[in-house]
Amino acid sequence: MDTSPNEAFFDTLPVFEEFEGVADADNYRPLPDGWVLACADIVSSTQAIAIGRYKAVNMAGASVISAILNSIGRRDLPFVFGGDGAFVAVPGSTVEQTRDAFLRIDVAVEGVTARIGEIAASVEQISAESARAEADVAEVAAVAEESSASAEQVSASTQETSAASQEIAASAASLAQTAEHLNGLVAHFRV
């Protein structure tokens, strides 16, 4: 790693600990000659955030910074993280390494995007199967409800039949008593 004064730029920057220091122009320095800004913007981040994927957008933006710092092997480079993108100031001597980091990120994102497509297709399939299962369950519930209504009708008929049978049995018992009583009266009048 080159340690020339140009390469040690970050070490020369003023440090501020209060947030107000962000607005103080004395805390800023121009980049040294030969330094470049590596810039990344997450494609379609607005749409992704709109559907609740803000964490994925933030991770993609932060991964750019990590990939560049890891590729160069330095942690002392100034960067700005914007949530859906990033800027990293890099010495000119590391432009190729920075470009390689971007290429690796691109390949990784393509792989993740393909996997996300597969997952989305699977989710659609699961959703369709779930809708069919829901319709089947609704149909079974309707049949069960009809069966339950029929069972209630059978139960009501059985109760009515039982009640009628009890009335008939009570009437038969009453007739038997009346017949016995009449037999007893007829026995008194024998000729």
N, C-alpha and C. Protein backbone atom coordinates (compact mmCIF):
# COMPACT_ATOMS: atom_id res chain seq x y z
N MET A 1 0.85 -1.17 0.00
CA MET A 1 0.00 0.00 0.00
C MET A 1 0.90 1.23 0.00
N ASP A 2 0.56 2.17 -0.86
CA ASP A 2 1.32 3.42 -0.97
C ASP A 2 1.02 4.29 0.25
N THR A 3 2.02 4.79 0.94
CA THR A 3 1.83 5.64 2.12
C THR A 3 2.32 7.05 1.88
N SER A 4 2.36 7.48 0.61
CA SER A 4 2.77 8.85 0.32
C SER A 4 1.76 9.81 0.94
N PRO A 5 2.12 11.11 1.10
CA PRO A 5 1.18 12.06 1.70
C PRO A 5 -0.17 12.05 0.99
N ASN A 6 -0.16 11.86 -0.31
CA ASN A 6 -1.39 11.81 -1.09
C ASN A 6 -2.26 10.62 -0.66
N GLU A 7 -1.61 9.49 -0.37
CA GLU A 7 -2.31 8.28 0.03
C GLU A 7 -2.82 8.37 1.47
N ALA A 8 -2.22 9.20 2.29
CA ALA A 8 -2.61 9.34 3.70
C ALA A 8 -3.58 10.50 3.89
N PHE A 9 -4.27 10.87 2.84
CA PHE A 9 -5.19 12.01 2.86
C PHE A 9 -6.18 11.94 4.02
N PHE A 10 -6.74 10.79 4.24
CA PHE A 10 -7.78 10.66 5.26
C PHE A 10 -7.25 11.04 6.64
N ASP A 11 -5.99 10.72 6.89
CA ASP A 11 -5.39 11.03 8.20
C ASP A 11 -5.26 12.54 8.43
N THR A 12 -5.31 13.33 7.37
CA THR A 12 -5.14 14.79 7.50
C THR A 12 -6.47 15.51 7.70
N LEU A 13 -7.58 14.80 7.59
CA LEU A 13 -8.89 15.45 7.72
C LEU A 13 -9.18 15.80 9.18
N PRO A 14 -9.82 16.97 9.42
CA PRO A 14 -10.18 17.32 10.79
C PRO A 14 -11.27 16.38 11.31
N VAL A 15 -11.23 16.12 12.59
CA VAL A 15 -12.23 15.27 13.23
C VAL A 15 -13.18 16.17 14.01
N PHE A 16 -14.45 15.94 13.85
CA PHE A 16 -15.42 16.69 14.66
C PHE A 16 -16.36 15.68 15.32
N GLU A 17 -16.76 16.01 16.55
CA GLU A 17 -17.56 15.07 17.33
C GLU A 17 -18.99 15.54 17.52
N GLU A 18 -19.27 16.79 17.20
CA GLU A 18 -20.62 17.31 17.32
C GLU A 18 -21.25 17.35 15.94
N PHE A 19 -22.51 17.08 15.86
CA PHE A 19 -23.20 17.04 14.57
C PHE A 19 -23.11 18.37 13.82
N GLU A 20 -23.07 19.45 14.56
CA GLU A 20 -22.99 20.77 13.93
C GLU A 20 -21.75 20.91 13.04
N GLY A 21 -20.73 20.09 13.30
CA GLY A 21 -19.51 20.12 12.51
C GLY A 21 -19.75 19.80 11.04
N VAL A 22 -20.86 19.13 10.74
CA VAL A 22 -21.20 18.81 9.35
C VAL A 22 -21.39 20.09 8.55
N ALA A 23 -21.90 21.13 9.17
CA ALA A 23 -22.19 22.38 8.46
C ALA A 23 -21.00 23.34 8.44
N ASP A 24 -19.91 22.99 9.08
CA ASP A 24 -18.74 23.88 9.14
C ASP A 24 -17.82 23.60 7.95
N ALA A 25 -17.74 24.55 7.02
CA ALA A 25 -16.94 24.39 5.81
C ALA A 25 -15.46 24.17 6.11
N ASP A 26 -14.98 24.61 7.29
CA ASP A 26 -13.57 24.41 7.64
C ASP A 26 -13.23 22.93 7.86
N ASN A 27 -14.25 22.08 8.01
CA ASN A 27 -14.02 20.65 8.22
C ASN A 27 -13.86 19.89 6.91
N TYR A 28 -13.92 20.55 5.80
CA TYR A 28 -13.86 19.88 4.50
C TYR A 28 -12.58 20.25 3.75
N ARG A 29 -12.07 19.30 2.95
CA ARG A 29 -10.86 19.50 2.16
C ARG A 29 -11.12 18.94 0.76
N PRO A 30 -10.52 19.54 -0.25
CA PRO A 30 -10.66 18.96 -1.59
C PRO A 30 -9.87 17.66 -1.67
N LEU A 31 -10.31 16.77 -2.54
CA LEU A 31 -9.57 15.52 -2.74
C LEU A 31 -8.22 15.84 -3.35
N PRO A 32 -7.20 15.09 -2.98
CA PRO A 32 -5.88 15.29 -3.59
C PRO A 32 -5.92 14.98 -5.10
N ASP A 33 -4.99 15.51 -5.82
CA ASP A 33 -4.87 15.22 -7.24
C ASP A 33 -4.74 13.72 -7.44
N GLY A 34 -5.42 13.22 -8.43
CA GLY A 34 -5.33 11.80 -8.75
C GLY A 34 -6.37 10.94 -8.04
N TRP A 35 -7.05 11.47 -7.04
CA TRP A 35 -8.08 10.71 -6.34
C TRP A 35 -9.35 10.76 -7.18
N VAL A 36 -10.18 9.74 -7.04
CA VAL A 36 -11.45 9.69 -7.76
C VAL A 36 -12.57 9.33 -6.79
N LEU A 37 -13.79 9.63 -7.21
CA LEU A 37 -14.96 9.24 -6.43
C LEU A 37 -15.58 8.01 -7.08
N ALA A 38 -15.68 6.94 -6.34
CA ALA A 38 -16.43 5.76 -6.77
C ALA A 38 -17.87 6.01 -6.34
N CYS A 39 -18.77 5.94 -7.27
CA CYS A 39 -20.16 6.29 -7.01
C CYS A 39 -21.07 5.12 -7.36
N ALA A 40 -22.02 4.82 -6.50
CA ALA A 40 -22.99 3.75 -6.76
C ALA A 40 -24.38 4.24 -6.43
N ASP A 41 -25.33 3.88 -7.27
CA ASP A 41 -26.73 4.20 -7.04
C ASP A 41 -27.52 2.91 -7.25
N ILE A 42 -28.35 2.56 -6.29
CA ILE A 42 -29.11 1.32 -6.37
C ILE A 42 -30.26 1.51 -7.35
N VAL A 43 -30.29 0.71 -8.40
CA VAL A 43 -31.31 0.80 -9.44
C VAL A 43 -32.68 0.43 -8.87
N SER A 44 -33.68 1.21 -9.22
CA SER A 44 -35.09 0.98 -8.83
C SER A 44 -35.29 1.00 -7.31
N SER A 45 -34.44 1.75 -6.61
CA SER A 45 -34.55 1.78 -5.15
C SER A 45 -35.86 2.43 -4.71
N THR A 46 -36.33 3.43 -5.43
CA THR A 46 -37.59 4.10 -5.04
C THR A 46 -38.74 3.10 -5.05
N GLN A 47 -38.82 2.29 -6.10
CA GLN A 47 -39.89 1.30 -6.18
C GLN A 47 -39.72 0.23 -5.09
N ALA A 48 -38.48 -0.17 -4.86
CA ALA A 48 -38.23 -1.19 -3.84
C ALA A 48 -38.63 -0.68 -2.45
N ILE A 49 -38.30 0.56 -2.17
CA ILE A 49 -38.67 1.16 -0.87
C ILE A 49 -40.18 1.27 -0.76
N ALA A 50 -40.85 1.61 -1.87
CA ALA A 50 -42.31 1.76 -1.86
C ALA A 50 -43.01 0.46 -1.50
N ILE A 51 -42.38 -0.69 -1.79
CA ILE A 51 -43.02 -1.97 -1.45
C ILE A 51 -42.42 -2.58 -0.18
N GLY A 52 -41.72 -1.72 0.59
CA GLY A 52 -41.23 -2.16 1.90
C GLY A 52 -39.88 -2.84 1.90
N ARG A 53 -39.11 -2.74 0.84
CA ARG A 53 -37.81 -3.41 0.76
C ARG A 53 -36.66 -2.47 1.09
N TYR A 54 -36.92 -1.53 1.99
CA TYR A 54 -35.90 -0.53 2.33
C TYR A 54 -34.65 -1.17 2.94
N LYS A 55 -34.81 -2.26 3.69
CA LYS A 55 -33.64 -2.91 4.29
C LYS A 55 -32.72 -3.48 3.20
N ALA A 56 -33.32 -4.08 2.19
CA ALA A 56 -32.53 -4.63 1.09
C ALA A 56 -31.81 -3.50 0.34
N VAL A 57 -32.49 -2.38 0.16
CA VAL A 57 -31.88 -1.24 -0.52
C VAL A 57 -30.70 -0.72 0.30
N ASN A 58 -30.92 -0.56 1.62
CA ASN A 58 -29.83 -0.09 2.49
C ASN A 58 -28.65 -1.06 2.48
N MET A 59 -28.92 -2.35 2.52
CA MET A 59 -27.84 -3.34 2.51
C MET A 59 -27.06 -3.26 1.20
N ALA A 60 -27.77 -3.08 0.10
CA ALA A 60 -27.08 -2.98 -1.20
C ALA A 60 -26.18 -1.74 -1.22
N GLY A 61 -26.69 -0.60 -0.73
CA GLY A 61 -25.90 0.63 -0.69
C GLY A 61 -24.67 0.48 0.19
N ALA A 62 -24.85 -0.12 1.35
CA ALA A 62 -23.73 -0.30 2.28
C ALA A 62 -22.73 -1.33 1.75
N SER A 63 -23.22 -2.32 1.00
CA SER A 63 -22.31 -3.34 0.49
C SER A 63 -21.28 -2.77 -0.49
N VAL A 64 -21.67 -1.70 -1.16
CA VAL A 64 -20.72 -1.05 -2.09
C VAL A 64 -19.51 -0.55 -1.32
N ILE A 65 -19.76 0.13 -0.21
CA ILE A 65 -18.66 0.66 0.62
C ILE A 65 -17.79 -0.49 1.12
N SER A 66 -18.42 -1.51 1.67
CA SER A 66 -17.67 -2.65 2.20
C SER A 66 -16.84 -3.33 1.12
N ALA A 67 -17.45 -3.53 -0.05
CA ALA A 67 -16.73 -4.22 -1.13
C ALA A 67 -15.50 -3.43 -1.56
N ILE A 68 -15.63 -2.11 -1.67
CA ILE A 68 -14.48 -1.30 -2.09
C ILE A 68 -13.39 -1.31 -1.02
N LEU A 69 -13.77 -1.08 0.23
CA LEU A 69 -12.77 -1.07 1.31
C LEU A 69 -12.07 -2.43 1.42
N ASN A 70 -12.85 -3.51 1.30
CA ASN A 70 -12.25 -4.85 1.37
C ASN A 70 -11.34 -5.11 0.18
N SER A 71 -11.75 -4.69 -1.00
CA SER A 71 -10.94 -4.92 -2.20
C SER A 71 -9.61 -4.18 -2.12
N ILE A 72 -9.66 -2.96 -1.62
CA ILE A 72 -8.44 -2.15 -1.53
C ILE A 72 -7.61 -2.55 -0.31
N GLY A 73 -8.27 -3.09 0.70
CA GLY A 73 -7.56 -3.50 1.91
C GLY A 73 -7.30 -2.33 2.85
N ARG A 74 -8.16 -1.32 2.77
CA ARG A 74 -8.00 -0.15 3.64
C ARG A 74 -9.34 0.18 4.29
N ARG A 75 -9.26 0.74 5.48
CA ARG A 75 -10.45 1.19 6.19
C ARG A 75 -10.44 2.70 6.39
N ASP A 76 -9.41 3.35 5.87
CA ASP A 76 -9.22 4.78 6.15
C ASP A 76 -9.56 5.66 4.94
N LEU A 77 -10.63 5.30 4.22
CA LEU A 77 -11.03 6.10 3.07
C LEU A 77 -12.35 6.80 3.39
N PRO A 78 -12.46 8.07 2.98
CA PRO A 78 -13.72 8.78 3.25
C PRO A 78 -14.84 8.25 2.36
N PHE A 79 -16.02 8.10 2.94
CA PHE A 79 -17.18 7.64 2.17
C PHE A 79 -18.44 8.32 2.68
N VAL A 80 -19.46 8.29 1.85
CA VAL A 80 -20.78 8.81 2.21
C VAL A 80 -21.78 7.71 1.85
N PHE A 81 -22.62 7.38 2.80
CA PHE A 81 -23.67 6.39 2.59
C PHE A 81 -24.99 7.12 2.51
N GLY A 82 -25.72 6.94 1.41
CA GLY A 82 -26.98 7.65 1.23
C GLY A 82 -28.20 6.77 1.34
N GLY A 83 -28.07 5.55 1.81
CA GLY A 83 -29.23 4.66 1.93
C GLY A 83 -29.45 3.85 0.68
N ASP A 84 -29.55 4.55 -0.46
CA ASP A 84 -29.74 3.84 -1.72
C ASP A 84 -28.56 4.04 -2.66
N GLY A 85 -27.43 4.33 -2.07
CA GLY A 85 -26.22 4.51 -2.85
C GLY A 85 -25.08 4.94 -1.96
N ALA A 86 -23.91 5.15 -2.58
CA ALA A 86 -22.75 5.52 -1.79
C ALA A 86 -21.70 6.18 -2.67
N PHE A 87 -20.83 6.96 -2.02
CA PHE A 87 -19.64 7.53 -2.63
C PHE A 87 -18.46 7.11 -1.77
N VAL A 88 -17.37 6.72 -2.42
CA VAL A 88 -16.14 6.41 -1.70
C VAL A 88 -15.02 7.12 -2.45
N ALA A 89 -14.25 7.92 -1.73
CA ALA A 89 -13.08 8.59 -2.32
C ALA A 89 -11.92 7.62 -2.26
N VAL A 90 -11.32 7.36 -3.42
CA VAL A 90 -10.22 6.38 -3.47
C VAL A 90 -9.01 6.99 -4.18
N PRO A 91 -7.82 6.61 -3.75
CA PRO A 91 -6.62 7.08 -4.45
C PRO A 91 -6.60 6.53 -5.87
N GLY A 92 -6.03 7.29 -6.78
CA GLY A 92 -5.94 6.85 -8.17
C GLY A 92 -5.25 5.52 -8.33
N SER A 93 -4.34 5.20 -7.42
CA SER A 93 -3.61 3.94 -7.51
C SER A 93 -4.51 2.72 -7.25
N THR A 94 -5.74 2.94 -6.78
CA THR A 94 -6.63 1.82 -6.45
C THR A 94 -7.84 1.74 -7.39
N VAL A 95 -7.79 2.49 -8.49
CA VAL A 95 -8.94 2.52 -9.41
C VAL A 95 -9.26 1.13 -9.94
N GLU A 96 -8.27 0.35 -10.32
CA GLU A 96 -8.51 -1.00 -10.85
C GLU A 96 -9.15 -1.90 -9.79
N GLN A 97 -8.64 -1.83 -8.57
CA GLN A 97 -9.22 -2.64 -7.49
C GLN A 97 -10.66 -2.21 -7.24
N THR A 98 -10.92 -0.91 -7.29
CA THR A 98 -12.27 -0.40 -7.09
C THR A 98 -13.19 -0.89 -8.20
N ARG A 99 -12.70 -0.83 -9.44
CA ARG A 99 -13.49 -1.31 -10.58
C ARG A 99 -13.79 -2.81 -10.41
N ASP A 100 -12.80 -3.58 -9.97
CA ASP A 100 -13.02 -5.01 -9.74
C ASP A 100 -14.08 -5.24 -8.66
N ALA A 101 -14.06 -4.41 -7.62
CA ALA A 101 -15.07 -4.53 -6.56
C ALA A 101 -16.47 -4.30 -7.13
N PHE A 102 -16.61 -3.28 -7.98
CA PHE A 102 -17.90 -3.02 -8.62
C PHE A 102 -18.34 -4.20 -9.48
N LEU A 103 -17.41 -4.78 -10.22
CA LEU A 103 -17.76 -5.93 -11.07
C LEU A 103 -18.23 -7.10 -10.23
N ARG A 104 -17.54 -7.36 -9.10
CA ARG A 104 -17.96 -8.45 -8.21
C ARG A 104 -19.34 -8.17 -7.62
N ILE A 105 -19.60 -6.93 -7.26
CA ILE A 105 -20.92 -6.57 -6.73
C ILE A 105 -21.97 -6.81 -7.80
N ASP A 106 -21.67 -6.41 -9.04
CA ASP A 106 -22.61 -6.58 -10.14
C ASP A 106 -22.96 -8.06 -10.33
N VAL A 107 -21.94 -8.93 -10.33
CA VAL A 107 -22.17 -10.36 -10.49
C VAL A 107 -23.01 -10.90 -9.32
N ALA A 108 -22.68 -10.46 -8.12
CA ALA A 108 -23.42 -10.91 -6.94
C ALA A 108 -24.88 -10.46 -7.01
N VAL A 109 -25.09 -9.21 -7.42
CA VAL A 109 -26.45 -8.68 -7.51
C VAL A 109 -27.24 -9.45 -8.57
N GLU A 110 -26.60 -9.76 -9.70
CA GLU A 110 -27.29 -10.54 -10.73
C GLU A 110 -27.72 -11.89 -10.17
N GLY A 111 -26.83 -12.53 -9.41
CA GLY A 111 -27.17 -13.81 -8.80
C GLY A 111 -28.30 -13.68 -7.81
N VAL A 112 -28.25 -12.66 -6.99
CA VAL A 112 -29.31 -12.43 -6.01
C VAL A 112 -30.62 -12.09 -6.72
N THR A 113 -30.54 -11.28 -7.78
CA THR A 113 -31.73 -10.91 -8.52
C THR A 113 -32.38 -12.15 -9.13
N ALA A 114 -31.56 -13.04 -9.69
CA ALA A 114 -32.10 -14.28 -10.26
C ALA A 114 -32.77 -15.10 -9.17
N ARG A 115 -32.12 -15.20 -8.02
CA ARG A 115 -32.69 -15.97 -6.90
C ARG A 115 -33.99 -15.33 -6.41
N ILE A 116 -34.02 -14.01 -6.37
CA ILE A 116 -35.24 -13.31 -5.96
C ILE A 116 -36.36 -13.62 -6.95
N GLY A 117 -36.02 -13.66 -8.25
CA GLY A 117 -37.01 -14.02 -9.26
C GLY A 117 -37.57 -15.42 -9.02
N GLU A 118 -36.69 -16.36 -8.70
CA GLU A 118 -37.12 -17.73 -8.40
C GLU A 118 -38.03 -17.75 -7.17
N ILE A 119 -37.64 -17.00 -6.16
CA ILE A 119 -38.44 -16.96 -4.93
C ILE A 119 -39.80 -16.33 -5.23
N ALA A 120 -39.82 -15.26 -6.02
CA ALA A 120 -41.09 -14.60 -6.36
C ALA A 120 -42.00 -15.57 -7.10
N ALA A 121 -41.44 -16.34 -8.04
CA ALA A 121 -42.24 -17.32 -8.77
C ALA A 121 -42.80 -18.38 -7.82
N SER A 122 -41.97 -18.82 -6.88
CA SER A 122 -42.42 -19.81 -5.90
C SER A 122 -43.53 -19.24 -5.02
N VAL A 123 -43.38 -17.99 -4.63
CA VAL A 123 -44.40 -17.35 -3.80
C VAL A 123 -45.72 -17.25 -4.57
N GLU A 124 -45.64 -16.92 -5.87
CA GLU A 124 -46.86 -16.87 -6.68
C GLU A 124 -47.52 -18.24 -6.75
N GLN A 125 -46.71 -19.27 -6.94
CA GLN A 125 -47.24 -20.62 -7.01
C GLN A 125 -47.88 -21.02 -5.68
N ILE A 126 -47.22 -20.71 -4.60
CA ILE A 126 -47.77 -21.02 -3.27
C ILE A 126 -49.07 -20.25 -3.06
N SER A 127 -49.09 -19.00 -3.49
CA SER A 127 -50.29 -18.18 -3.35
C SER A 127 -51.46 -18.79 -4.12
N ALA A 128 -51.19 -19.23 -5.37
CA ALA A 128 -52.24 -19.85 -6.18
C ALA A 128 -52.74 -21.13 -5.52
N GLU A 129 -51.80 -21.96 -5.03
CA GLU A 129 -52.18 -23.20 -4.35
C GLU A 129 -52.99 -22.90 -3.09
N SER A 130 -52.59 -21.86 -2.39
CA SER A 130 -53.30 -21.46 -1.17
C SER A 130 -54.73 -21.02 -1.51
N ALA A 131 -54.88 -20.29 -2.61
CA ALA A 131 -56.22 -19.84 -3.02
C ALA A 131 -57.09 -21.06 -3.37
N ARG A 132 -56.49 -22.03 -4.08
CA ARG A 132 -57.25 -23.25 -4.41
C ARG A 132 -57.62 -24.01 -3.14
N ALA A 133 -56.68 -24.11 -2.21
CA ALA A 133 -56.96 -24.81 -0.95
C ALA A 133 -58.06 -24.09 -0.17
N GLU A 134 -58.02 -22.77 -0.20
CA GLU A 134 -59.04 -21.99 0.50
C GLU A 134 -60.42 -22.25 -0.12
N ALA A 135 -60.47 -22.31 -1.46
CA ALA A 135 -61.74 -22.60 -2.14
C ALA A 135 -62.23 -24.00 -1.77
N ASP A 136 -61.31 -24.98 -1.73
CA ASP A 136 -61.68 -26.35 -1.36
C ASP A 136 -62.20 -26.40 0.07
N VAL A 137 -61.54 -25.70 0.97
CA VAL A 137 -61.98 -25.67 2.36
C VAL A 137 -63.37 -25.04 2.46
N ALA A 138 -63.61 -23.96 1.69
CA ALA A 138 -64.92 -23.31 1.70
C ALA A 138 -65.99 -24.28 1.21
N GLU A 139 -65.65 -25.08 0.17
CA GLU A 139 -66.60 -26.06 -0.36
C GLU A 139 -66.90 -27.14 0.68
N VAL A 140 -65.85 -27.64 1.33
CA VAL A 140 -66.03 -28.65 2.37
C VAL A 140 -66.85 -28.08 3.53
N ALA A 141 -66.60 -26.82 3.87
CA ALA A 141 -67.36 -26.18 4.96
C ALA A 141 -68.84 -26.09 4.59
N ALA A 142 -69.12 -25.78 3.32
CA ALA A 142 -70.52 -25.69 2.88
C ALA A 142 -71.19 -27.05 2.97
N VAL A 143 -70.50 -28.11 2.52
CA VAL A 143 -71.05 -29.46 2.61
C VAL A 143 -71.26 -29.85 4.07
N ALA A 144 -70.28 -29.51 4.91
CA ALA A 144 -70.40 -29.83 6.33
C ALA A 144 -71.58 -29.09 6.95
N GLU A 145 -71.79 -27.86 6.51
CA GLU A 145 -72.92 -27.08 7.04
C GLU A 145 -74.24 -27.71 6.62
N GLU A 146 -74.30 -28.15 5.34
CA GLU A 146 -75.52 -28.82 4.86
C GLU A 146 -75.74 -30.11 5.64
N SER A 147 -74.65 -30.87 5.84
CA SER A 147 -74.75 -32.12 6.60
C SER A 147 -75.20 -31.85 8.02
N SER A 148 -74.67 -30.80 8.60
CA SER A 148 -75.04 -30.44 9.97
C SER A 148 -76.52 -30.07 10.03
N ALA A 149 -76.99 -29.32 9.02
CA ALA A 149 -78.41 -28.93 8.99
C ALA A 149 -79.27 -30.18 8.83
N SER A 150 -78.84 -31.12 7.96
CA SER A 150 -79.59 -32.37 7.78
C SER A 150 -79.59 -33.17 9.07
N ALA A 151 -78.46 -33.24 9.73
CA ALA A 151 -78.37 -33.98 11.00
C ALA A 151 -79.28 -33.35 12.05
N GLU A 152 -79.34 -32.01 12.04
CA GLU A 152 -80.24 -31.33 12.99
C GLU A 152 -81.69 -31.66 12.68
N GLN A 153 -82.03 -31.73 11.36
CA GLN A 153 -83.41 -32.08 10.97
C GLN A 153 -83.72 -33.51 11.41
N VAL A 154 -82.79 -34.44 11.19
CA VAL A 154 -82.98 -35.83 11.59
C VAL A 154 -83.14 -35.91 13.11
N SER A 155 -82.30 -35.15 13.82
CA SER A 155 -82.38 -35.14 15.28
C SER A 155 -83.73 -34.61 15.74
N ALA A 156 -84.20 -33.52 15.09
CA ALA A 156 -85.50 -32.95 15.45
C ALA A 156 -86.62 -33.95 15.16
N SER A 157 -86.54 -34.64 14.00
CA SER A 157 -87.56 -35.65 13.64
C SER A 157 -87.53 -36.80 14.64
N THR A 158 -86.32 -37.21 15.03
CA THR A 158 -86.18 -38.30 16.00
C THR A 158 -86.79 -37.88 17.34
N GLN A 159 -86.57 -36.65 17.74
CA GLN A 159 -87.15 -36.18 19.00
C GLN A 159 -88.67 -36.13 18.91
N GLU A 160 -89.18 -35.67 17.74
CA GLU A 160 -90.64 -35.63 17.55
C GLU A 160 -91.21 -37.04 17.59
N THR A 161 -90.53 -37.98 16.92
CA THR A 161 -90.98 -39.38 16.90
C THR A 161 -90.95 -39.96 18.30
N SER A 162 -89.90 -39.65 19.05
CA SER A 162 -89.77 -40.14 20.42
C SER A 162 -90.90 -39.58 21.28
N ALA A 163 -91.17 -38.28 21.11
CA ALA A 163 -92.24 -37.65 21.89
C ALA A 163 -93.60 -38.29 21.52
N ALA A 164 -93.82 -38.52 20.21
CA ALA A 164 -95.07 -39.14 19.76
C ALA A 164 -95.18 -40.56 20.32
N SER A 165 -94.07 -41.29 20.31
CA SER A 165 -94.06 -42.66 20.84
C SER A 165 -94.39 -42.65 22.33
N GLN A 166 -93.85 -41.68 23.05
CA GLN A 166 -94.14 -41.57 24.48
C GLN A 166 -95.62 -41.26 24.71
N GLU A 167 -96.21 -40.39 23.86
CA GLU A 167 -97.64 -40.07 23.97
C GLU A 167 -98.47 -41.31 23.70
N ILE A 168 -98.08 -42.08 22.65
CA ILE A 168 -98.81 -43.30 22.32
C ILE A 168 -98.71 -44.30 23.46
N ALA A 169 -97.49 -44.43 24.03
CA ALA A 169 -97.30 -45.35 25.15
C ALA A 169 -98.14 -44.91 26.35
N ALA A 170 -98.19 -43.60 26.60
CA ALA A 170 -99.00 -43.10 27.72
C ALA A 170 -100.48 -43.35 27.45
N SER A 171 -100.90 -43.12 26.20
CA SER A 171 -102.31 -43.37 25.83
C SER A 171 -102.64 -44.85 25.97
N ALA A 172 -101.70 -45.72 25.53
CA ALA A 172 -101.92 -47.17 25.64
C ALA A 172 -102.03 -47.58 27.10
N ALA A 173 -101.17 -47.02 27.93
CA ALA A 173 -101.22 -47.34 29.37
C ALA A 173 -102.54 -46.88 29.96
N SER A 174 -102.98 -45.69 29.54
CA SER A 174 -104.25 -45.15 30.04
C SER A 174 -105.41 -46.02 29.56
N LEU A 175 -105.39 -46.48 28.30
CA LEU A 175 -106.43 -47.35 27.77
C LEU A 175 -106.42 -48.70 28.50
N ALA A 176 -105.21 -49.18 28.80
CA ALA A 176 -105.12 -50.46 29.51
C ALA A 176 -105.75 -50.33 30.89
N GLN A 177 -105.53 -49.20 31.56
CA GLN A 177 -106.13 -48.98 32.88
C GLN A 177 -107.65 -48.87 32.75
N THR A 178 -108.08 -48.17 31.71
CA THR A 178 -109.53 -48.01 31.49
C THR A 178 -110.15 -49.37 31.19
N ALA A 179 -109.47 -50.18 30.39
CA ALA A 179 -109.99 -51.51 30.06
C ALA A 179 -110.05 -52.37 31.30
N GLU A 180 -109.07 -52.28 32.14
CA GLU A 180 -109.03 -53.06 33.38
C GLU A 180 -110.16 -52.61 34.31
N HIS A 181 -110.36 -51.34 34.36
CA HIS A 181 -111.44 -50.79 35.20
C HIS A 181 -112.80 -51.24 34.67
N LEU A 182 -112.96 -51.21 33.34
CA LEU A 182 -114.22 -51.65 32.73
C LEU A 182 -114.43 -53.16 32.97
N ASN A 183 -113.37 -53.94 32.88
CA ASN A 183 -113.45 -55.40 33.14
C ASN A 183 -113.93 -55.64 34.56
N GLY A 184 -113.40 -54.78 35.45
CA GLY A 184 -113.80 -54.94 36.85
C GLY A 184 -115.29 -54.61 37.05
N LEU A 185 -115.79 -53.62 36.34
CA LEU A 185 -117.20 -53.22 36.45
C LEU A 185 -118.10 -54.28 35.80
N VAL A 186 -117.67 -54.79 34.67
CA VAL A 186 -118.45 -55.81 33.97
C VAL A 186 -118.51 -57.08 34.82
N ALA A 187 -117.51 -57.38 35.58
CA ALA A 187 -117.47 -58.56 36.40
C ALA A 187 -118.54 -58.49 37.49
N HIS A 188 -118.93 -57.31 37.93
CA HIS A 188 -119.96 -57.14 38.96
C HIS A 188 -121.34 -57.41 38.39
N PHE A 189 -121.51 -57.31 37.13
CA PHE A 189 -122.84 -57.45 36.52
C PHE A 189 -122.99 -58.75 35.74
N ARG A 190 -122.54 -59.81 36.22
CA ARG A 190 -122.60 -61.05 35.48
C ARG A 190 -123.98 -61.68 35.67
N VAL A 191 -124.48 -62.23 34.69
CA VAL A 191 -125.78 -62.85 34.75
C VAL A 191 -125.74 -64.34 34.80
